[in-house]
Full PDB file with SEQRES, HELIX, SHEET, SSBOND, CRYST1, ORIGX, SCALE, CONECT and MASTER records, all heavy atoms in Angstrom:
SEQRES   1 A   44  ASP PRO ALA HIS ALA PRO SER ALA HIS SER SER THR SER          
SEQRES   2 A   44  ALA LEU GLY LYS GLU VAL LEU ARG LEU ARG GLN TRP ALA          
SEQRES   3 A   44  LYS GLU THR ASP THR GLY ASP ARG ASP ASP LEU VAL PRO          
SEQRES   4 A   44  GLY VAL ASP ASP ARG                                          
HELIX    1 AA1 PRO A    2  HIS A    4  5                                   3    
HELIX    2 AA2 SER A   13  ALA A   26  1                                  14    
HELIX    3 AA3 ARG A   34  ASP A   36  5                                   3    
CRYST1    1.000    1.000    1.000  90.00  90.00  90.00 P 1           1          
ORIGX1      1.000000  0.000000  0.000000        0.00000                         
ORIGX2      0.000000  1.000000  0.000000        0.00000                         
ORIGX3      0.000000  0.000000  1.000000        0.00000                         
SCALE1      1.000000  0.000000  0.000000        0.00000                         
SCALE2      0.000000  1.000000  0.000000        0.00000                         
SCALE3      0.000000  0.000000  1.000000        0.00000                         
ATOM      1  N   ASP A   1      -3.988  11.084  -1.433  1.00  0.00           N  
ATOM      2  CA  ASP A   1      -5.184  10.286  -1.620  1.00  0.00           C  
ATOM      3  C   ASP A   1      -5.132   9.632  -3.000  1.00  0.00           C  
ATOM      4  O   ASP A   1      -4.374  10.065  -3.882  1.00  0.00           O  
ATOM      5  CB  ASP A   1      -6.431  11.169  -1.512  1.00  0.00           C  
ATOM      6  CG  ASP A   1      -6.634  11.641  -0.088  1.00  0.00           C  
ATOM      7  OD1 ASP A   1      -6.207  10.943   0.837  1.00  0.00           O  
ATOM      8  OD2 ASP A   1      -7.232  12.722   0.074  1.00  0.00           O  
ATOM      9  N   PRO A   2      -5.941   8.587  -3.235  1.00  0.00           N  
ATOM     10  CA  PRO A   2      -5.890   7.876  -4.517  1.00  0.00           C  
ATOM     11  C   PRO A   2      -5.963   8.789  -5.730  1.00  0.00           C  
ATOM     12  O   PRO A   2      -5.301   8.548  -6.731  1.00  0.00           O  
ATOM     13  CB  PRO A   2      -7.105   6.942  -4.437  1.00  0.00           C  
ATOM     14  CG  PRO A   2      -7.264   6.671  -2.966  1.00  0.00           C  
ATOM     15  CD  PRO A   2      -6.876   7.962  -2.289  1.00  0.00           C  
ATOM     16  N   ALA A   3      -6.739   9.852  -5.647  1.00  0.00           N  
ATOM     17  CA  ALA A   3      -6.873  10.745  -6.801  1.00  0.00           C  
ATOM     18  C   ALA A   3      -5.574  11.453  -7.131  1.00  0.00           C  
ATOM     19  O   ALA A   3      -5.368  11.908  -8.243  1.00  0.00           O  
ATOM     20  CB  ALA A   3      -7.969  11.778  -6.529  1.00  0.00           C  
ATOM     21  N   HIS A   4      -4.683  11.556  -6.131  1.00  0.00           N  
ATOM     22  CA  HIS A   4      -3.417  12.253  -6.339  1.00  0.00           C  
ATOM     23  C   HIS A   4      -2.228  11.304  -6.281  1.00  0.00           C  
ATOM     24  O   HIS A   4      -1.097  11.727  -6.100  1.00  0.00           O  
ATOM     25  CB  HIS A   4      -3.245  13.340  -5.276  1.00  0.00           C  
ATOM     26  CG  HIS A   4      -4.357  14.344  -5.277  1.00  0.00           C  
ATOM     27  ND1 HIS A   4      -5.423  14.255  -4.412  1.00  0.00           N  
ATOM     28  CD2 HIS A   4      -4.582  15.436  -6.050  1.00  0.00           C  
ATOM     29  CE1 HIS A   4      -6.258  15.277  -4.629  1.00  0.00           C  
ATOM     30  NE2 HIS A   4      -5.776  15.989  -5.618  1.00  0.00           N  
ATOM     31  N   ALA A   5      -2.493  10.003  -6.398  1.00  0.00           N  
ATOM     32  CA  ALA A   5      -1.405   9.029  -6.338  1.00  0.00           C  
ATOM     33  C   ALA A   5      -0.464   9.225  -7.521  1.00  0.00           C  
ATOM     34  O   ALA A   5      -0.870   9.663  -8.593  1.00  0.00           O  
ATOM     35  CB  ALA A   5      -1.975   7.614  -6.362  1.00  0.00           C  
ATOM     36  N   PRO A   6       0.827   8.879  -7.367  1.00  0.00           N  
ATOM     37  CA  PRO A   6       1.777   9.019  -8.461  1.00  0.00           C  
ATOM     38  C   PRO A   6       1.344   8.213  -9.676  1.00  0.00           C  
ATOM     39  O   PRO A   6       0.736   7.154  -9.550  1.00  0.00           O  
ATOM     40  CB  PRO A   6       3.075   8.456  -7.856  1.00  0.00           C  
ATOM     41  CG  PRO A   6       2.891   8.532  -6.368  1.00  0.00           C  
ATOM     42  CD  PRO A   6       1.439   8.362  -6.140  1.00  0.00           C  
ATOM     43  N   SER A   7       1.651   8.718 -10.837  1.00  0.00           N  
ATOM     44  CA  SER A   7       1.270   8.027 -12.069  1.00  0.00           C  
ATOM     45  C   SER A   7       2.144   6.801 -12.284  1.00  0.00           C  
ATOM     46  O   SER A   7       3.163   6.622 -11.638  1.00  0.00           O  
ATOM     47  CB  SER A   7       1.443   8.971 -13.264  1.00  0.00           C  
ATOM     48  OG  SER A   7       2.821   9.181 -13.514  1.00  0.00           O  
ATOM     49  N   ALA A   8       1.728   5.978 -13.215  1.00  0.00           N  
ATOM     50  CA  ALA A   8       2.476   4.748 -13.496  1.00  0.00           C  
ATOM     51  C   ALA A   8       3.857   5.052 -14.047  1.00  0.00           C  
ATOM     52  O   ALA A   8       4.743   4.209 -14.003  1.00  0.00           O  
ATOM     53  CB  ALA A   8       1.693   3.881 -14.485  1.00  0.00           C  
ATOM     54  N   HIS A   9       4.035   6.259 -14.587  1.00  0.00           N  
ATOM     55  CA  HIS A   9       5.338   6.624 -15.151  1.00  0.00           C  
ATOM     56  C   HIS A   9       6.248   7.231 -14.094  1.00  0.00           C  
ATOM     57  O   HIS A   9       7.422   7.467 -14.342  1.00  0.00           O  
ATOM     58  CB  HIS A   9       5.148   7.609 -16.300  1.00  0.00           C  
ATOM     59  CG  HIS A   9       4.281   7.072 -17.403  1.00  0.00           C  
ATOM     60  ND1 HIS A   9       4.692   6.057 -18.229  1.00  0.00           N  
ATOM     61  CD2 HIS A   9       3.012   7.396 -17.783  1.00  0.00           C  
ATOM     62  CE1 HIS A   9       3.731   5.787 -19.106  1.00  0.00           C  
ATOM     63  NE2 HIS A   9       2.703   6.578 -18.856  1.00  0.00           N  
ATOM     64  N   SER A  10       5.722   7.491 -12.917  1.00  0.00           N  
ATOM     65  CA  SER A  10       6.521   8.110 -11.866  1.00  0.00           C  
ATOM     66  C   SER A  10       7.478   7.093 -11.270  1.00  0.00           C  
ATOM     67  O   SER A  10       7.185   5.905 -11.192  1.00  0.00           O  
ATOM     68  CB  SER A  10       5.613   8.658 -10.756  1.00  0.00           C  
ATOM     69  OG  SER A  10       6.374   9.004  -9.620  1.00  0.00           O  
ATOM     70  N   SER A  11       8.630   7.575 -10.824  1.00  0.00           N  
ATOM     71  CA  SER A  11       9.596   6.685 -10.189  1.00  0.00           C  
ATOM     72  C   SER A  11       9.064   6.127  -8.889  1.00  0.00           C  
ATOM     73  O   SER A  11       9.580   5.145  -8.367  1.00  0.00           O  
ATOM     74  CB  SER A  11      10.920   7.427  -9.937  1.00  0.00           C  
ATOM     75  OG  SER A  11      10.706   8.522  -9.054  1.00  0.00           O  
ATOM     76  N   THR A  12       8.035   6.755  -8.328  1.00  0.00           N  
ATOM     77  CA  THR A  12       7.468   6.278  -7.067  1.00  0.00           C  
ATOM     78  C   THR A  12       6.157   5.533  -7.275  1.00  0.00           C  
ATOM     79  O   THR A  12       5.432   5.282  -6.327  1.00  0.00           O  
ATOM     80  CB  THR A  12       7.233   7.461  -6.108  1.00  0.00           C  
ATOM     81  OG1 THR A  12       6.326   8.383  -6.729  1.00  0.00           O  
ATOM     82  CG2 THR A  12       8.523   8.145  -5.748  1.00  0.00           C  
ATOM     83  N   SER A  13       5.824   5.158  -8.508  1.00  0.00           N  
ATOM     84  CA  SER A  13       4.535   4.518  -8.762  1.00  0.00           C  
ATOM     85  C   SER A  13       4.406   3.203  -8.018  1.00  0.00           C  
ATOM     86  O   SER A  13       3.330   2.880  -7.505  1.00  0.00           O  
ATOM     87  CB  SER A  13       4.343   4.300 -10.260  1.00  0.00           C  
ATOM     88  OG  SER A  13       5.358   3.465 -10.781  1.00  0.00           O  
ATOM     89  N   ALA A  14       5.464   2.401  -7.947  1.00  0.00           N  
ATOM     90  CA  ALA A  14       5.397   1.126  -7.236  1.00  0.00           C  
ATOM     91  C   ALA A  14       5.134   1.366  -5.755  1.00  0.00           C  
ATOM     92  O   ALA A  14       4.336   0.660  -5.129  1.00  0.00           O  
ATOM     93  CB  ALA A  14       6.692   0.346  -7.437  1.00  0.00           C  
ATOM     94  N   LEU A  15       5.818   2.370  -5.208  1.00  0.00           N  
ATOM     95  CA  LEU A  15       5.594   2.714  -3.804  1.00  0.00           C  
ATOM     96  C   LEU A  15       4.158   3.176  -3.598  1.00  0.00           C  
ATOM     97  O   LEU A  15       3.490   2.774  -2.636  1.00  0.00           O  
ATOM     98  CB  LEU A  15       6.569   3.813  -3.370  1.00  0.00           C  
ATOM     99  CG  LEU A  15       6.352   4.406  -1.979  1.00  0.00           C  
ATOM    100  CD1 LEU A  15       6.529   3.351  -0.903  1.00  0.00           C  
ATOM    101  CD2 LEU A  15       7.326   5.571  -1.743  1.00  0.00           C  
ATOM    102  N   GLY A  16       3.653   4.002  -4.501  1.00  0.00           N  
ATOM    103  CA  GLY A  16       2.286   4.493  -4.389  1.00  0.00           C  
ATOM    104  C   GLY A  16       1.270   3.362  -4.387  1.00  0.00           C  
ATOM    105  O   GLY A  16       0.326   3.362  -3.602  1.00  0.00           O  
ATOM    106  N   LYS A  17       1.478   2.368  -5.256  1.00  0.00           N  
ATOM    107  CA  LYS A  17       0.561   1.235  -5.313  1.00  0.00           C  
ATOM    108  C   LYS A  17       0.585   0.437  -4.016  1.00  0.00           C  
ATOM    109  O   LYS A  17      -0.448  -0.038  -3.538  1.00  0.00           O  
ATOM    110  CB  LYS A  17       0.924   0.333  -6.499  1.00  0.00           C  
ATOM    111  CG  LYS A  17       0.645   0.971  -7.856  1.00  0.00           C  
ATOM    112  CD  LYS A  17       1.115   0.072  -8.992  1.00  0.00           C  
ATOM    113  CE  LYS A  17       0.872   0.734 -10.348  1.00  0.00           C  
ATOM    114  NZ  LYS A  17       1.394  -0.101 -11.462  1.00  0.00           N  
ATOM    115  N   GLU A  18       1.779   0.288  -3.437  1.00  0.00           N  
ATOM    116  CA  GLU A  18       1.873  -0.458  -2.182  1.00  0.00           C  
ATOM    117  C   GLU A  18       1.150   0.267  -1.058  1.00  0.00           C  
ATOM    118  O   GLU A  18       0.450  -0.355  -0.250  1.00  0.00           O  
ATOM    119  CB  GLU A  18       3.339  -0.679  -1.802  1.00  0.00           C  
ATOM    120  CG  GLU A  18       4.032  -1.747  -2.615  1.00  0.00           C  
ATOM    121  CD  GLU A  18       5.349  -2.161  -2.010  1.00  0.00           C  
ATOM    122  OE1 GLU A  18       6.026  -1.300  -1.405  1.00  0.00           O  
ATOM    123  OE2 GLU A  18       5.719  -3.338  -2.129  1.00  0.00           O  
ATOM    124  N   VAL A  19       1.304   1.587  -1.005  1.00  0.00           N  
ATOM    125  CA  VAL A  19       0.646   2.348   0.055  1.00  0.00           C  
ATOM    126  C   VAL A  19      -0.866   2.317  -0.124  1.00  0.00           C  
ATOM    127  O   VAL A  19      -1.626   2.202   0.854  1.00  0.00           O  
ATOM    128  CB  VAL A  19       1.179   3.790   0.100  1.00  0.00           C  
ATOM    129  CG1 VAL A  19       0.390   4.627   1.101  1.00  0.00           C  
ATOM    130  CG2 VAL A  19       2.658   3.790   0.475  1.00  0.00           C  
ATOM    131  N   LEU A  20      -1.331   2.408  -1.359  1.00  0.00           N  
ATOM    132  CA  LEU A  20      -2.772   2.323  -1.602  1.00  0.00           C  
ATOM    133  C   LEU A  20      -3.316   0.951  -1.195  1.00  0.00           C  
ATOM    134  O   LEU A  20      -4.423   0.842  -0.646  1.00  0.00           O  
ATOM    135  CB  LEU A  20      -3.072   2.595  -3.076  1.00  0.00           C  
ATOM    136  CG  LEU A  20      -2.777   4.015  -3.562  1.00  0.00           C  
ATOM    137  CD1 LEU A  20      -3.118   4.146  -5.040  1.00  0.00           C  
ATOM    138  CD2 LEU A  20      -3.548   5.037  -2.745  1.00  0.00           C  
ATOM    139  N   ARG A  21      -2.528  -0.092  -1.438  1.00  0.00           N  
ATOM    140  CA  ARG A  21      -2.952  -1.430  -1.007  1.00  0.00           C  
ATOM    141  C   ARG A  21      -3.009  -1.508   0.518  1.00  0.00           C  
ATOM    142  O   ARG A  21      -3.908  -2.129   1.096  1.00  0.00           O  
ATOM    143  CB  ARG A  21      -2.003  -2.494  -1.563  1.00  0.00           C  
ATOM    144  CG  ARG A  21      -2.421  -3.919  -1.208  1.00  0.00           C  
ATOM    145  CD  ARG A  21      -1.726  -4.932  -2.100  1.00  0.00           C  
ATOM    146  NE  ARG A  21      -0.314  -5.039  -1.827  1.00  0.00           N  
ATOM    147  CZ  ARG A  21       0.207  -5.863  -0.907  1.00  0.00           C  
ATOM    148  NH1 ARG A  21      -0.592  -6.627  -0.180  1.00  0.00           N  
ATOM    149  NH2 ARG A  21       1.500  -5.919  -0.727  1.00  0.00           N  
ATOM    150  N   LEU A  22      -2.059  -0.865   1.177  1.00  0.00           N  
ATOM    151  CA  LEU A  22      -2.062  -0.846   2.636  1.00  0.00           C  
ATOM    152  C   LEU A  22      -3.289  -0.110   3.174  1.00  0.00           C  
ATOM    153  O   LEU A  22      -3.885  -0.512   4.178  1.00  0.00           O  
ATOM    154  CB  LEU A  22      -0.780  -0.183   3.159  1.00  0.00           C  
ATOM    155  CG  LEU A  22       0.483  -1.047   3.098  1.00  0.00           C  
ATOM    156  CD1 LEU A  22       1.720  -0.186   3.321  1.00  0.00           C  
ATOM    157  CD2 LEU A  22       0.427  -2.155   4.129  1.00  0.00           C  
ATOM    158  N   ARG A  23      -3.667   0.961   2.502  1.00  0.00           N  
ATOM    159  CA  ARG A  23      -4.852   1.711   2.945  1.00  0.00           C  
ATOM    160  C   ARG A  23      -6.121   0.867   2.802  1.00  0.00           C  
ATOM    161  O   ARG A  23      -7.015   0.923   3.643  1.00  0.00           O  
ATOM    162  CB  ARG A  23      -4.975   3.004   2.141  1.00  0.00           C  
ATOM    163  CG  ARG A  23      -3.923   4.033   2.517  1.00  0.00           C  
ATOM    164  CD  ARG A  23      -4.121   5.322   1.749  1.00  0.00           C  
ATOM    165  NE  ARG A  23      -3.294   6.383   2.300  1.00  0.00           N  
ATOM    166  CZ  ARG A  23      -3.288   7.633   1.852  1.00  0.00           C  
ATOM    167  NH1 ARG A  23      -4.071   7.959   0.828  1.00  0.00           N  
ATOM    168  NH2 ARG A  23      -2.514   8.546   2.402  1.00  0.00           N  
ATOM    169  N   GLN A  24      -6.184   0.085   1.740  1.00  0.00           N  
ATOM    170  CA  GLN A  24      -7.328  -0.798   1.575  1.00  0.00           C  
ATOM    171  C   GLN A  24      -7.311  -1.894   2.631  1.00  0.00           C  
ATOM    172  O   GLN A  24      -8.345  -2.248   3.210  1.00  0.00           O  
ATOM    173  CB  GLN A  24      -7.311  -1.414   0.167  1.00  0.00           C  
ATOM    174  CG  GLN A  24      -8.472  -2.370  -0.105  1.00  0.00           C  
ATOM    175  CD  GLN A  24      -9.827  -1.688   0.033  1.00  0.00           C  
ATOM    176  OE1 GLN A  24     -10.002  -0.534  -0.369  1.00  0.00           O  
ATOM    177  NE2 GLN A  24     -10.793  -2.399   0.605  1.00  0.00           N  
ATOM    178  N   TRP A  25      -6.122  -2.429   2.895  1.00  0.00           N  
ATOM    179  CA  TRP A  25      -5.989  -3.481   3.902  1.00  0.00           C  
ATOM    180  C   TRP A  25      -6.397  -2.983   5.288  1.00  0.00           C  
ATOM    181  O   TRP A  25      -6.942  -3.747   6.096  1.00  0.00           O  
ATOM    182  CB  TRP A  25      -4.549  -3.978   3.914  1.00  0.00           C  
ATOM    183  CG  TRP A  25      -4.261  -5.082   4.892  1.00  0.00           C  
ATOM    184  CD1 TRP A  25      -4.760  -6.352   4.872  1.00  0.00           C  
ATOM    185  CD2 TRP A  25      -3.406  -5.005   6.033  1.00  0.00           C  
ATOM    186  NE1 TRP A  25      -4.256  -7.083   5.929  1.00  0.00           N  
ATOM    187  CE2 TRP A  25      -3.423  -6.282   6.652  1.00  0.00           C  
ATOM    188  CE3 TRP A  25      -2.613  -3.992   6.578  1.00  0.00           C  
ATOM    189  CZ2 TRP A  25      -2.678  -6.560   7.800  1.00  0.00           C  
ATOM    190  CZ3 TRP A  25      -1.874  -4.274   7.720  1.00  0.00           C  
ATOM    191  CH2 TRP A  25      -1.916  -5.539   8.326  1.00  0.00           C  
ATOM    192  N   ALA A  26      -6.157  -1.700   5.559  1.00  0.00           N  
ATOM    193  CA  ALA A  26      -6.522  -1.118   6.855  1.00  0.00           C  
ATOM    194  C   ALA A  26      -8.025  -1.233   7.110  1.00  0.00           C  
ATOM    195  O   ALA A  26      -8.463  -1.284   8.266  1.00  0.00           O  
ATOM    196  CB  ALA A  26      -6.088   0.339   6.920  1.00  0.00           C  
ATOM    197  N   LYS A  27      -8.813  -1.296   6.041  1.00  0.00           N  
ATOM    198  CA  LYS A  27     -10.266  -1.406   6.197  1.00  0.00           C  
ATOM    199  C   LYS A  27     -10.711  -2.846   6.420  1.00  0.00           C  
ATOM    200  O   LYS A  27     -11.865  -3.079   6.788  1.00  0.00           O  
ATOM    201  CB  LYS A  27     -10.962  -0.853   4.945  1.00  0.00           C  
ATOM    202  CG  LYS A  27     -10.619   0.596   4.629  1.00  0.00           C  
ATOM    203  CD  LYS A  27     -11.230   1.013   3.290  1.00  0.00           C  
ATOM    204  CE  LYS A  27     -10.811   2.428   2.907  1.00  0.00           C  
ATOM    205  NZ  LYS A  27     -11.352   2.815   1.568  1.00  0.00           N  
ATOM    206  N   GLU A  28      -9.801  -3.789   6.193  1.00  0.00           N  
ATOM    207  CA  GLU A  28     -10.174  -5.196   6.233  1.00  0.00           C  
ATOM    208  C   GLU A  28      -9.561  -5.959   7.408  1.00  0.00           C  
ATOM    209  O   GLU A  28     -10.152  -6.921   7.893  1.00  0.00           O  
ATOM    210  CB  GLU A  28      -9.739  -5.884   4.926  1.00  0.00           C  
ATOM    211  CG  GLU A  28     -10.287  -5.219   3.671  1.00  0.00           C  
ATOM    212  CD  GLU A  28      -9.546  -5.666   2.417  1.00  0.00           C  
ATOM    213  OE1 GLU A  28      -8.569  -6.438   2.560  1.00  0.00           O  
ATOM    214  OE2 GLU A  28      -9.933  -5.238   1.307  1.00  0.00           O  
ATOM    215  N   THR A  29      -8.375  -5.558   7.856  1.00  0.00           N  
ATOM    216  CA  THR A  29      -7.644  -6.334   8.854  1.00  0.00           C  
ATOM    217  C   THR A  29      -8.250  -6.210  10.246  1.00  0.00           C  
ATOM    218  O   THR A  29      -8.769  -5.155  10.621  1.00  0.00           O  
ATOM    219  CB  THR A  29      -6.164  -5.899   8.899  1.00  0.00           C  
ATOM    220  OG1 THR A  29      -5.488  -6.622   9.939  1.00  0.00           O  
ATOM    221  CG2 THR A  29      -6.026  -4.407   9.194  1.00  0.00           C  
ATOM    222  N   ASP A  30      -8.151  -7.296  11.003  1.00  0.00           N  
ATOM    223  CA  ASP A  30      -8.587  -7.282  12.395  1.00  0.00           C  
ATOM    224  C   ASP A  30      -7.425  -7.029  13.351  1.00  0.00           C  
ATOM    225  O   ASP A  30      -7.632  -6.705  14.514  1.00  0.00           O  
ATOM    226  CB  ASP A  30      -9.237  -8.623  12.766  1.00  0.00           C  
ATOM    227  CG  ASP A  30     -10.531  -8.855  12.004  1.00  0.00           C  
ATOM    228  OD1 ASP A  30     -11.261  -7.877  11.749  1.00  0.00           O  
ATOM    229  OD2 ASP A  30     -10.800 -10.031  11.658  1.00  0.00           O  
ATOM    230  N   THR A  31      -6.193  -7.201  12.864  1.00  0.00           N  
ATOM    231  CA  THR A  31      -5.028  -7.115  13.744  1.00  0.00           C  
ATOM    232  C   THR A  31      -4.119  -5.928  13.436  1.00  0.00           C  
ATOM    233  O   THR A  31      -3.447  -5.416  14.322  1.00  0.00           O  
ATOM    234  CB  THR A  31      -4.182  -8.396  13.651  1.00  0.00           C  
ATOM    235  OG1 THR A  31      -3.622  -8.490  12.327  1.00  0.00           O  
ATOM    236  CG2 THR A  31      -5.027  -9.626  13.941  1.00  0.00           C  
ATOM    237  N   GLY A  32      -4.051  -5.514  12.158  1.00  0.00           N  
ATOM    238  CA  GLY A  32      -3.108  -4.474  11.771  1.00  0.00           C  
ATOM    239  C   GLY A  32      -1.663  -4.921  11.868  1.00  0.00           C  
ATOM    240  O   GLY A  32      -0.741  -4.118  11.696  1.00  0.00           O  
ATOM    241  N   ASP A  33      -1.436  -6.197  12.101  1.00  0.00           N  
ATOM    242  CA  ASP A  33      -0.093  -6.753  12.279  1.00  0.00           C  
ATOM    243  C   ASP A  33       0.555  -6.941  10.913  1.00  0.00           C  
ATOM    244  O   ASP A  33       0.000  -7.616  10.034  1.00  0.00           O  
ATOM    245  CB  ASP A  33      -0.195  -8.090  13.017  1.00  0.00           C  
ATOM    246  CG  ASP A  33       1.162  -8.668  13.399  1.00  0.00           C  
ATOM    247  OD1 ASP A  33       2.160  -8.355  12.727  1.00  0.00           O  
ATOM    248  OD2 ASP A  33       1.212  -9.440  14.372  1.00  0.00           O  
ATOM    249  N   ARG A  34       1.729  -6.369  10.744  1.00  0.00           N  
ATOM    250  CA  ARG A  34       2.410  -6.444   9.452  1.00  0.00           C  
ATOM    251  C   ARG A  34       2.594  -7.879   8.979  1.00  0.00           C  
ATOM    252  O   ARG A  34       2.512  -8.158   7.771  1.00  0.00           O  
ATOM    253  CB  ARG A  34       3.771  -5.750   9.544  1.00  0.00           C  
ATOM    254  CG  ARG A  34       4.535  -5.707   8.231  1.00  0.00           C  
ATOM    255  CD  ARG A  34       5.847  -4.952   8.371  1.00  0.00           C  
ATOM    256  NE  ARG A  34       6.560  -4.881   7.112  1.00  0.00           N  
ATOM    257  CZ  ARG A  34       7.723  -4.262   6.936  1.00  0.00           C  
ATOM    258  NH1 ARG A  34       8.289  -3.640   7.969  1.00  0.00           N  
ATOM    259  NH2 ARG A  34       8.307  -4.243   5.760  1.00  0.00           N  
ATOM    260  N   ASP A  35       2.810  -8.803   9.901  1.00  0.00           N  
ATOM    261  CA  ASP A  35       3.028 -10.192   9.523  1.00  0.00           C  
ATOM    262  C   ASP A  35       1.783 -10.846   8.942  1.00  0.00           C  
ATOM    263  O   ASP A  35       1.866 -11.904   8.310  1.00  0.00           O  
ATOM    264  CB  ASP A  35       3.502 -10.998  10.735  1.00  0.00           C  
ATOM    265  CG  ASP A  35       4.976 -10.780  11.031  1.00  0.00           C  
ATOM    266  OD1 ASP A  35       5.682 -10.281  10.141  1.00  0.00           O  
ATOM    267  OD2 ASP A  35       5.413 -11.099  12.142  1.00  0.00           O  
ATOM    268  N   ASP A  36       0.623 -10.239   9.168  1.00  0.00           N  
ATOM    269  CA  ASP A  36      -0.622 -10.802   8.635  1.00  0.00           C  
ATOM    270  C   ASP A  36      -0.925 -10.301   7.230  1.00  0.00           C  
ATOM    271  O   ASP A  36      -1.918 -10.721   6.622  1.00  0.00           O  
ATOM    272  CB  ASP A  36      -1.796 -10.451   9.556  1.00  0.00           C  
ATOM    273  CG  ASP A  36      -1.705 -11.170  10.893  1.00  0.00           C  
ATOM    274  OD1 ASP A  36      -1.002 -12.189  10.961  1.00  0.00           O  
ATOM    275  OD2 ASP A  36      -2.320 -10.702  11.872  1.00  0.00           O  
ATOM    276  N   LEU A  37      -0.095  -9.413   6.697  1.00  0.00           N  
ATOM    277  CA  LEU A  37      -0.285  -8.893   5.344  1.00  0.00           C  
ATOM    278  C   LEU A  37       0.423  -9.795   4.346  1.00  0.00           C  
ATOM    279  O   LEU A  37       1.651  -9.929   4.379  1.00  0.00           O  
ATOM    280  CB  LEU A  37       0.258  -7.463   5.248  1.00  0.00           C  
ATOM    281  CG  LEU A  37       0.217  -6.810   3.863  1.00  0.00           C  
ATOM    282  CD1 LEU A  37      -1.225  -6.590   3.424  1.00  0.00           C  
ATOM    283  CD2 LEU A  37       0.983  -5.491   3.873  1.00  0.00           C  
ATOM    284  N   VAL A  38      -0.347 -10.424   3.457  1.00  0.00           N  
ATOM    285  CA  VAL A  38       0.218 -11.333   2.455  1.00  0.00           C  
ATOM    286  C   VAL A  38      -0.323 -10.962   1.081  1.00  0.00           C  
ATOM    287  O   VAL A  38      -1.545 -10.918   0.898  1.00  0.00           O  
ATOM    288  CB  VAL A  38      -0.140 -12.801   2.773  1.00  0.00           C  
ATOM    289  CG1 VAL A  38       0.454 -13.739   1.717  1.00  0.00           C  
ATOM    290  CG2 VAL A  38       0.365 -13.188   4.156  1.00  0.00           C  
ATOM    291  N   PRO A  39       0.551 -10.676   0.103  1.00  0.00           N  
ATOM    292  CA  PRO A  39       2.002 -10.579   0.258  1.00  0.00           C  
ATOM    293  C   PRO A  39       2.383  -9.311   1.012  1.00  0.00           C  
ATOM    294  O   PRO A  39       1.601  -8.362   1.097  1.00  0.00           O  
ATOM    295  CB  PRO A  39       2.507 -10.542  -1.195  1.00  0.00           C  
ATOM    296  CG  PRO A  39       1.367  -9.937  -1.961  1.00  0.00           C  
ATOM    297  CD  PRO A  39       0.117 -10.441  -1.300  1.00  0.00           C  
ATOM    298  N   GLY A  40       3.578  -9.298   1.529  1.00  0.00           N  
ATOM    299  CA  GLY A  40       4.029  -8.168   2.322  1.00  0.00           C  
ATOM    300  C   GLY A  40       4.465  -6.987   1.472  1.00  0.00           C  
ATOM    301  O   GLY A  40       4.366  -7.010   0.240  1.00  0.00           O  
ATOM    302  N   VAL A  41       4.920  -5.941   2.144  1.00  0.00           N  
ATOM    303  CA  VAL A  41       5.440  -4.753   1.464  1.00  0.00           C  
ATOM    304  C   VAL A  41       6.822  -4.451   2.029  1.00  0.00           C  
ATOM    305  O   VAL A  41       7.200  -4.953   3.085  1.00  0.00           O  
ATOM    306  CB  VAL A  41       4.511  -3.532   1.671  1.00  0.00           C  
ATOM    307  CG1 VAL A  41       3.153  -3.776   1.046  1.00  0.00           C  
ATOM    308  CG2 VAL A  41       4.363  -3.197   3.154  1.00  0.00           C  
ATOM    309  N   ASP A  42       7.559  -3.609   1.329  1.00  0.00           N  
ATOM    310  CA  ASP A  42       8.900  -3.283   1.812  1.00  0.00           C  
ATOM    311  C   ASP A  42       8.833  -2.248   2.935  1.00  0.00           C  
ATOM    312  O   ASP A  42       7.782  -1.665   3.231  1.00  0.00           O  
ATOM    313  CB  ASP A  42       9.805  -2.814   0.673  1.00  0.00           C  
ATOM    314  CG  ASP A  42       9.307  -1.539   0.003  1.00  0.00           C  
ATOM    315  OD1 ASP A  42       8.541  -0.779   0.623  1.00  0.00           O  
ATOM    316  OD2 ASP A  42       9.701  -1.292  -1.153  1.00  0.00           O  
ATOM    317  N   ASP A  43       9.980  -2.014   3.561  1.00  0.00           N  
ATOM    318  CA  ASP A  43      10.034  -1.123   4.721  1.00  0.00           C  
ATOM    319  C   ASP A  43       9.613   0.300   4.368  1.00  0.00           C  
ATOM    320  O   ASP A  43       8.972   0.983   5.171  1.00  0.00           O  
ATOM    321  CB  ASP A  43      11.450  -1.098   5.295  1.00  0.00           C  
ATOM    322  CG  ASP A  43      11.830  -2.411   5.952  1.00  0.00           C  
ATOM    323  OD1 ASP A  43      10.922  -3.225   6.212  1.00  0.00           O  
ATOM    324  OD2 ASP A  43      13.030  -2.636   6.202  1.00  0.00           O  
ATOM    325  N   ARG A  44       9.970   0.738   3.165  1.00  0.00           N  
ATOM    326  CA  ARG A  44       9.654   2.114   2.781  1.00  0.00           C  
ATOM    327  C   ARG A  44       8.148   2.345   2.749  1.00  0.00           C  
ATOM    328  O   ARG A  44       7.638   3.352   3.235  1.00  0.00           O  
ATOM    329  CB  ARG A  44      10.277   2.419   1.416  1.00  0.00           C  
ATOM    330  CG  ARG A  44      10.151   3.880   0.995  1.00  0.00           C  
ATOM    331  CD  ARG A  44      10.772   4.084  -0.368  1.00  0.00           C  
ATOM    332  NE  ARG A  44      10.536   5.436  -0.858  1.00  0.00           N  
ATOM    333  CZ  ARG A  44      10.601   5.778  -2.132  1.00  0.00           C  
ATOM    334  NH1 ARG A  44      10.885   4.855  -3.047  1.00  0.00           N  
ATOM    335  NH2 ARG A  44      10.393   7.015  -2.514  1.00  0.00           N  
TER     336      ARG A  44                                                      
MASTER        0    0    0    3    0    0    0    6  335    1    0    4          
END                                                                             
């Protein structure tokens, strides 16, 4: 959860930020279609 997200100094901080953005997008999207996410995220 956001409270336990990796810190900015963590090697996974960029990944953590992308996943948190995806979680926020999940509350907004009508389609959930990856192609509708702009900008996109990597496969990981």
